Amino acid sequence: MHGFLSTKNLSFAGFGPENKKILKAVLAIAGHPQLAGIWSHDGSDQAFTKTFEREFGIPLPPLYKGIQEYDDFIKELDFLSIAVPPAKNLNLMTLALVNNPKVNILVQKPVAHQLHHLESCHIPDDGLKRVAVGCQLGFHYGFRIFAEAVLQTDQKIVKVEINMLKNALTQPGITRSDYKLYGGGIWMDLGPHVLDMLERLGFWSIVKVISGGTEIEPHHLHKPEVEQKAEMILETKDGVIVDICLSNIEEYLTKPQNNLLVYDRNGFINDYRHAVHWLDFSEAKWVVDGREGPRSVPRELMMVDFFSGAKRCTKISSAYAHQQVIDAGYRSAKNCCQIIL
């Protein structure tokens, strides 16, 4: 792994909290890969330059800004990690794939705000094979153990419940569901994680949104039209009912409670739950069947898989399917009706 990465170069589009954590993870697993550059939209987010060498222990790489410099920035890259406001994700990803036939890209979710945005972009035929999507909840070691148990069970699973209570504020004055920073409301923000976890459990084919509901709490928000609570009931091709509740609750700012429960015809059979400080995934720990396991660093695991070419990363094709379900959830909530996919 170390030898492989030492021969490759890596760059970052955007250098906010997401890509800073990813760089730390890369340094932890790869020593000192060749860092080719950091790009920002207009240069206004480059305050990190003053503390970069002290924080990361490596020289500051070349800096690029603006769409005019983006072409030069991406020309010779092996790996690119995109973590920018979601409205820019799709354009930056497409430009990199079109102008660099070898680059592999990790892009944070949501890749787009609506399915038709994905469907209308012009990506080279082999481009989608070179993209992975950052859905790191599926990389918690505890979740992997839980997923293996679910996939191996001989019991007929009929229902899955997923409850996520996330901190409303990521930092003072910025809400978890700020549209510009996180892509939309709680369903747009956490929906890709939920659907990725379902896919890893084998419930990948969602065929119906039975009901969708969103709840707005304006006093938490800069934009009152963005929801803070989403309740969705989905159905898979095999008839499994998936009951989802996602919410921002201020009381859980530092210790959000998350759980995923699986039922067979006779009732509850297993669950997965973990306590996570949402700003620091390295504090994640897992509980399966009442046993607490070691701490894990999902971003490290995700980056190891991504750099080594492993198949466990979330594919862009999955992001298409996930976006279809997310769009359908919003339509169901708006029109109070079932949506057949």
Protein backbone atom coordinates (compact mmCIF):
# COMPACT_ATOMS: atom_id res chain seq x y z
CA MET A 1 0.00 0.00 0.00
CA HIS A 2 2.73 2.46 0.96
CA GLY A 3 4.75 1.73 -2.17
CA PHE A 4 1.72 2.03 -4.39
CA LEU A 5 0.73 5.42 -3.06
CA SER A 6 4.25 6.82 -3.16
CA THR A 7 4.18 6.58 -6.96
CA LYS A 8 0.84 8.41 -7.32
CA ASN A 9 -0.13 12.03 -6.93
CA LEU A 10 -3.17 13.38 -5.17
CA SER A 11 -4.93 16.74 -5.20
CA PHE A 12 -7.89 18.34 -3.48
CA ALA A 13 -10.69 20.45 -4.90
CA GLY A 14 -11.78 22.39 -1.85
CA PHE A 15 -9.92 22.19 1.44
CA GLY A 16 -12.55 22.48 4.14
CA PRO A 17 -13.17 20.01 6.98
CA GLU A 18 -13.91 17.02 4.69
CA ASN A 19 -10.70 17.14 2.68
CA LYS A 20 -8.59 18.05 5.70
CA LYS A 21 -9.76 14.85 7.39
CA ILE A 22 -9.14 12.87 4.23
CA LEU A 23 -5.57 14.21 3.93
CA LYS A 24 -4.89 13.27 7.55
CA ALA A 25 -6.22 9.79 6.82
CA VAL A 26 -4.05 9.49 3.72
CA LEU A 27 -0.96 10.56 5.65
CA ALA A 28 -1.78 7.99 8.32
CA ILE A 29 -1.91 5.12 5.85
CA ALA A 30 0.51 6.21 3.15
CA GLY A 31 3.22 8.28 4.73
CA HIS A 32 3.88 11.02 2.18
CA PRO A 33 2.11 10.63 -1.15
CA GLN A 34 2.84 13.21 -3.83
CA LEU A 35 0.49 16.10 -3.12
CA ALA A 36 0.13 17.89 -6.46
CA GLY A 37 -2.08 20.81 -5.49
CA ILE A 38 -5.14 22.30 -3.82
CA TRP A 39 -7.84 24.11 -5.80
CA SER A 40 -10.48 26.52 -4.54
CA HIS A 41 -13.30 28.30 -6.30
CA ASP A 42 -12.14 31.87 -5.72
CA GLY A 43 -9.25 31.67 -3.25
CA SER A 44 -11.34 33.02 -0.37
CA ASP A 45 -11.08 29.73 1.56
CA GLN A 46 -7.28 29.57 1.62
CA ALA A 47 -6.75 30.66 5.21
CA PHE A 48 -5.36 27.16 5.86
CA THR A 49 -2.12 28.16 4.09
CA LYS A 50 -0.78 29.84 7.22
CA THR A 51 -0.94 26.68 9.32
CA PHE A 52 -0.68 23.92 6.69
CA GLU A 53 2.91 22.78 7.31
CA ARG A 54 2.46 22.83 11.07
CA GLU A 55 -0.85 20.96 10.93
CA PHE A 56 0.07 18.28 8.38
CA GLY A 57 3.86 18.06 8.60
CA ILE A 58 4.38 18.37 4.84
CA PRO A 59 5.18 21.34 2.55
CA LEU A 60 2.31 23.42 1.24
CA PRO A 61 1.52 22.24 -2.33
CA PRO A 62 0.82 24.55 -5.28
CA LEU A 63 -2.45 26.46 -4.99
CA TYR A 64 -4.98 26.99 -7.77
CA LYS A 65 -8.15 29.02 -7.90
CA GLY A 66 -10.99 29.72 -10.28
CA ILE A 67 -12.39 27.65 -13.10
CA GLN A 68 -9.75 29.04 -15.49
CA GLU A 69 -6.95 27.36 -13.49
CA TYR A 70 -8.92 24.15 -12.94
CA ASP A 71 -7.89 22.69 -16.33
CA ASP A 72 -4.19 23.01 -15.48
CA PHE A 73 -4.87 21.73 -11.98
CA ILE A 74 -6.38 18.41 -13.14
CA LYS A 75 -4.19 17.57 -16.16
CA GLU A 76 -1.68 15.17 -14.59
CA LEU A 77 -3.55 13.91 -11.54
CA ASP A 78 -3.87 10.27 -10.51
CA PHE A 79 -6.35 10.94 -7.70
CA LEU A 80 -8.66 13.85 -6.96
CA SER A 81 -10.79 14.34 -3.87
CA ILE A 82 -13.68 16.77 -4.39
CA ALA A 83 -15.31 18.27 -1.32
CA VAL A 84 -16.93 21.59 -2.23
CA PRO A 85 -20.44 23.02 -1.81
CA PRO A 86 -22.64 20.36 -3.48
CA ALA A 87 -23.86 22.60 -6.29
CA LYS A 88 -20.31 22.51 -7.73
CA ASN A 89 -19.66 18.76 -7.33
CA LEU A 90 -21.05 17.57 -10.64
CA ASN A 91 -19.37 20.21 -12.79
CA LEU A 92 -15.93 19.71 -11.25
CA MET A 93 -16.24 15.92 -11.50
CA THR A 94 -17.31 16.06 -15.15
CA LEU A 95 -14.54 18.50 -16.16
CA ALA A 96 -11.91 16.30 -14.51
CA LEU A 97 -13.16 13.13 -16.22
CA VAL A 98 -13.35 14.79 -19.64
CA ASN A 99 -9.91 16.44 -19.47
CA ASN A 100 -7.92 13.71 -17.70
CA PRO A 101 -8.42 10.14 -18.97
CA LYS A 102 -6.58 8.55 -16.03
CA VAL A 103 -7.81 10.45 -12.97
CA ASN A 104 -9.71 8.60 -10.26
CA ILE A 105 -12.12 10.76 -8.29
CA LEU A 106 -13.61 10.60 -4.82
CA VAL A 107 -16.53 13.06 -4.69
CA GLN A 108 -18.56 13.81 -1.58
CA LYS A 109 -22.31 13.26 -1.64
CA PRO A 110 -24.68 14.52 -2.85
CA VAL A 111 -23.14 14.40 -6.30
CA ALA A 112 -26.09 16.45 -7.56
CA HIS A 113 -29.27 17.96 -6.16
CA GLN A 114 -31.61 16.19 -8.58
CA LEU A 115 -31.48 13.10 -10.76
CA HIS A 116 -31.92 14.99 -14.03
CA HIS A 117 -28.71 16.90 -13.30
CA LEU A 118 -26.83 13.60 -13.23
CA GLU A 119 -28.59 12.29 -16.32
CA SER A 120 -27.88 15.41 -18.38
CA CYS A 121 -24.13 15.67 -17.73
CA HIS A 122 -21.72 14.51 -20.44
CA ILE A 123 -19.33 11.98 -18.93
CA PRO A 124 -16.94 9.80 -20.98
CA ASP A 125 -17.97 6.16 -21.37
CA ASP A 126 -15.28 4.91 -19.00
CA GLY A 127 -15.63 7.89 -16.65
CA LEU A 128 -18.13 6.39 -14.23
CA LYS A 129 -15.73 3.52 -13.53
CA ARG A 130 -13.25 6.06 -12.18
CA VAL A 131 -15.54 7.71 -9.62
CA ALA A 132 -16.38 6.77 -6.04
CA VAL A 133 -18.79 8.64 -3.76
CA GLY A 134 -17.98 9.57 -0.17
CA CYS A 135 -20.54 7.69 1.95
CA GLN A 136 -18.35 6.81 4.89
CA LEU A 137 -20.92 5.45 7.37
CA GLY A 138 -20.74 2.09 5.60
CA PHE A 139 -17.04 1.91 6.45
CA HIS A 140 -17.47 1.73 10.21
CA TYR A 141 -15.94 -1.60 11.19
CA GLY A 142 -18.94 -2.36 13.37
CA PHE A 143 -21.31 -1.82 10.47
CA ARG A 144 -19.28 -4.18 8.30
CA ILE A 145 -19.57 -6.90 10.95
CA PHE A 146 -23.29 -6.23 11.25
CA ALA A 147 -23.75 -6.31 7.46
CA GLU A 148 -21.97 -9.66 7.22
CA ALA A 149 -24.31 -11.10 9.84
CA VAL A 150 -27.39 -9.79 8.02
CA LEU A 151 -26.20 -11.06 4.64
CA GLN A 152 -25.49 -14.52 6.06
CA THR A 153 -28.70 -15.00 8.02
CA ASP A 154 -31.10 -17.68 6.81
CA GLN A 155 -34.06 -15.85 8.32
CA LYS A 156 -36.46 -13.99 6.04
CA ILE A 157 -36.05 -10.29 6.80
CA VAL A 158 -39.28 -8.35 6.47
CA LYS A 159 -38.49 -4.95 7.99
CA VAL A 160 -35.60 -2.57 8.60
CA GLU A 161 -35.72 0.51 10.83
CA ILE A 162 -33.15 3.28 10.61
CA ASN A 163 -33.14 6.16 13.09
CA MET A 164 -30.56 8.93 12.90
CA LEU A 165 -30.61 11.87 15.25
CA LYS A 166 -27.94 14.31 14.13
CA ASN A 167 -26.65 17.48 15.67
CA ALA A 168 -28.40 20.51 14.19
CA LEU A 169 -25.32 22.74 14.33
CA THR A 170 -21.93 21.82 12.90
CA GLN A 171 -20.45 25.02 14.23
CA PRO A 172 -21.97 28.22 15.64
CA GLY A 173 -24.37 29.79 13.18
CA ILE A 174 -24.23 27.01 10.57
CA THR A 175 -26.95 24.38 10.44
CA ARG A 176 -26.43 20.76 9.52
CA SER A 177 -28.91 21.29 6.67
CA ASP A 178 -27.58 24.52 5.27
CA TYR A 179 -28.41 24.20 1.56
CA LYS A 180 -25.20 25.76 0.26
CA LEU A 181 -22.85 23.72 2.44
CA TYR A 182 -24.63 20.38 2.73
CA GLY A 183 -26.86 20.15 -0.30
CA GLY A 184 -30.31 20.56 1.19
CA GLY A 185 -32.41 19.37 4.07
CA ILE A 186 -31.83 16.39 6.29
CA TRP A 187 -33.13 13.91 3.68
CA MET A 188 -30.79 15.26 0.98
CA ASP A 189 -27.91 15.27 3.45
CA LEU A 190 -28.27 11.92 5.21
CA GLY A 191 -30.41 10.07 2.66
CA PRO A 192 -27.35 9.00 0.60
CA HIS A 193 -25.76 7.51 3.74
CA VAL A 194 -28.93 5.60 4.61
CA LEU A 195 -29.40 4.24 1.09
CA ASP A 196 -25.73 3.27 0.87
CA MET A 197 -26.03 1.32 4.13
CA LEU A 198 -29.17 -0.42 2.86
CA GLU A 199 -27.34 -1.41 -0.31
CA ARG A 200 -24.51 -2.90 1.73
CA LEU A 201 -27.09 -4.93 3.66
CA GLY A 202 -28.41 -6.40 0.42
CA PHE A 203 -31.57 -4.23 0.22
CA TRP A 204 -30.34 -2.37 -2.84
CA SER A 205 -33.44 -2.39 -5.03
CA ILE A 206 -35.96 0.16 -3.75
CA VAL A 207 -39.11 -0.03 -5.87
CA LYS A 208 -41.57 2.16 -3.97
CA VAL A 209 -41.76 5.14 -1.64
CA ILE A 210 -44.85 4.24 0.38
CA SER A 211 -44.90 7.54 2.20
CA GLY A 212 -42.64 10.50 2.62
CA GLY A 213 -42.81 13.30 5.13
CA THR A 214 -40.65 16.27 6.02
CA GLU A 215 -40.95 18.70 8.88
CA ILE A 216 -39.64 22.25 8.91
CA GLU A 217 -38.38 23.92 12.07
CA PRO A 218 -37.58 27.49 10.95
CA HIS A 219 -36.01 28.56 14.21
CA HIS A 220 -33.03 26.28 13.48
CA LEU A 221 -32.42 27.55 10.00
CA HIS A 222 -31.03 30.26 7.78
CA LYS A 223 -33.45 29.08 5.09
CA PRO A 224 -36.87 28.18 6.50
CA GLU A 225 -37.81 26.08 3.46
CA VAL A 226 -35.20 23.41 4.33
CA GLU A 227 -36.47 20.57 6.48
CA GLN A 228 -34.94 19.37 9.74
CA LYS A 229 -36.85 16.09 9.97
CA ALA A 230 -37.63 13.44 7.39
CA GLU A 231 -39.69 10.28 7.76
CA MET A 232 -39.74 7.87 4.84
CA ILE A 233 -41.24 4.41 4.37
CA LEU A 234 -39.73 2.51 1.46
CA GLU A 235 -40.30 -0.94 -0.03
CA THR A 236 -37.68 -3.13 -1.71
CA LYS A 237 -38.13 -5.48 -4.66
CA ASP A 238 -38.26 -8.40 -2.20
CA GLY A 239 -41.02 -6.79 -0.14
CA VAL A 240 -38.83 -5.61 2.76
CA ILE A 241 -40.28 -2.51 4.42
CA VAL A 242 -37.73 0.15 5.36
CA ASP A 243 -38.85 2.68 7.98
CA ILE A 244 -36.54 5.70 8.16
CA CYS A 245 -36.53 8.61 10.59
CA LEU A 246 -33.87 11.31 10.27
CA SER A 247 -33.84 14.33 12.50
CA ASN A 248 -31.74 17.18 13.85
CA ILE A 249 -32.16 17.40 17.61
CA GLU A 250 -30.24 20.05 19.52
CA GLU A 251 -30.06 17.92 22.67
CA TYR A 252 -27.83 15.50 20.78
CA LEU A 253 -25.25 17.99 19.56
CA THR A 254 -22.23 15.99 20.79
CA LYS A 255 -23.66 12.46 21.24
CA PRO A 256 -26.20 11.73 18.54
CA GLN A 257 -27.96 8.37 18.94
CA ASN A 258 -28.16 6.21 15.83
CA ASN A 259 -29.54 2.73 15.39
CA LEU A 260 -30.42 0.31 12.66
CA LEU A 261 -32.75 -2.58 13.51
CA VAL A 262 -33.61 -5.67 11.46
CA TYR A 263 -36.75 -7.79 11.89
CA ASP A 264 -37.90 -11.17 10.62
CA ARG A 265 -41.50 -12.42 10.67
CA ASN A 266 -41.20 -13.18 14.40
CA GLY A 267 -39.92 -9.74 15.35
CA PHE A 268 -36.62 -8.03 16.10
CA ILE A 269 -33.50 -10.12 15.38
CA ASN A 270 -30.48 -7.83 15.42
CA ASP A 271 -29.37 -4.22 15.63
CA TYR A 272 -26.42 -1.96 14.97
CA ARG A 273 -25.89 1.24 16.87
CA HIS A 274 -22.96 3.55 17.35
CA ALA A 275 -22.19 6.78 19.16
CA VAL A 276 -20.45 9.33 16.98
CA HIS A 277 -19.31 12.86 17.54
CA TRP A 278 -20.27 14.00 14.05
CA LEU A 279 -17.31 16.34 13.74
CA ASP A 280 -14.75 13.62 14.48
CA PHE A 281 -15.34 10.19 13.01
CA SER A 282 -12.25 8.86 14.74
CA GLU A 283 -14.36 8.75 17.91
CA ALA A 284 -16.71 6.19 16.35
CA LYS A 285 -17.21 2.90 18.15
CA TRP A 286 -19.52 0.03 17.40
CA VAL A 287 -21.91 -2.22 19.29
CA VAL A 288 -23.19 -5.51 17.87
CA ASP A 289 -25.24 -7.92 19.95
CA GLY A 290 -24.39 -5.94 23.04
CA ARG A 291 -20.62 -6.19 22.48
CA GLU A 292 -18.63 -3.01 22.09
CA GLY A 293 -15.76 -3.24 19.62
CA PRO A 294 -12.64 -1.21 18.85
CA ARG A 295 -12.71 2.31 17.56
CA SER A 296 -12.45 2.69 13.82
CA VAL A 297 -11.69 5.52 11.42
CA PRO A 298 -14.13 5.23 8.51
CA ARG A 299 -12.38 7.85 6.39
CA GLU A 300 -9.11 5.90 6.58
CA LEU A 301 -10.87 2.70 5.57
CA MET A 302 -12.65 4.50 2.75
CA MET A 303 -9.42 6.02 1.46
CA VAL A 304 -7.54 2.71 1.68
CA ASP A 305 -10.25 1.08 -0.42
CA PHE A 306 -10.38 3.97 -2.86
CA PHE A 307 -6.63 4.23 -3.43
CA SER A 308 -6.10 0.46 -3.69
CA GLY A 309 -8.91 0.02 -6.20
CA ALA A 310 -11.04 -2.13 -3.91
CA LYS A 311 -14.66 -2.62 -4.94
CA ARG A 312 -16.25 -1.68 -1.63
CA CYS A 313 -16.38 2.06 -2.35
CA THR A 314 -19.77 3.48 -3.27
CA LYS A 315 -19.97 3.64 -7.05
CA ILE A 316 -21.37 6.55 -9.00
CA SER A 317 -23.95 4.15 -10.46
CA SER A 318 -25.25 3.67 -6.92
CA ALA A 319 -25.40 7.44 -6.49
CA TYR A 320 -27.74 7.55 -9.50
CA ALA A 321 -30.05 4.98 -7.89
CA HIS A 322 -29.86 6.74 -4.51
CA GLN A 323 -30.70 10.11 -6.07
CA GLN A 324 -33.76 8.57 -7.74
CA VAL A 325 -35.05 7.47 -4.31
CA ILE A 326 -34.22 10.83 -2.71
CA ASP A 327 -36.10 12.71 -5.45
CA ALA A 328 -39.05 10.32 -5.05
CA GLY A 329 -39.09 10.89 -1.29
CA TYR A 330 -39.42 14.63 -1.78
CA ARG A 331 -42.21 14.14 -4.36
CA SER A 332 -44.04 11.81 -1.99
CA ALA A 333 -43.77 14.32 0.84
CA LYS A 334 -44.94 17.20 -1.35
CA ASN A 335 -47.89 15.38 -2.93
CA CYS A 336 -48.80 13.02 -0.03
CA CYS A 337 -48.75 10.00 -2.31
CA GLN A 338 -46.92 6.77 -3.08
CA ILE A 339 -44.21 6.90 -5.73
CA ILE A 340 -43.45 3.81 -7.83
CA LEU A 341 -39.86 3.71 -9.08
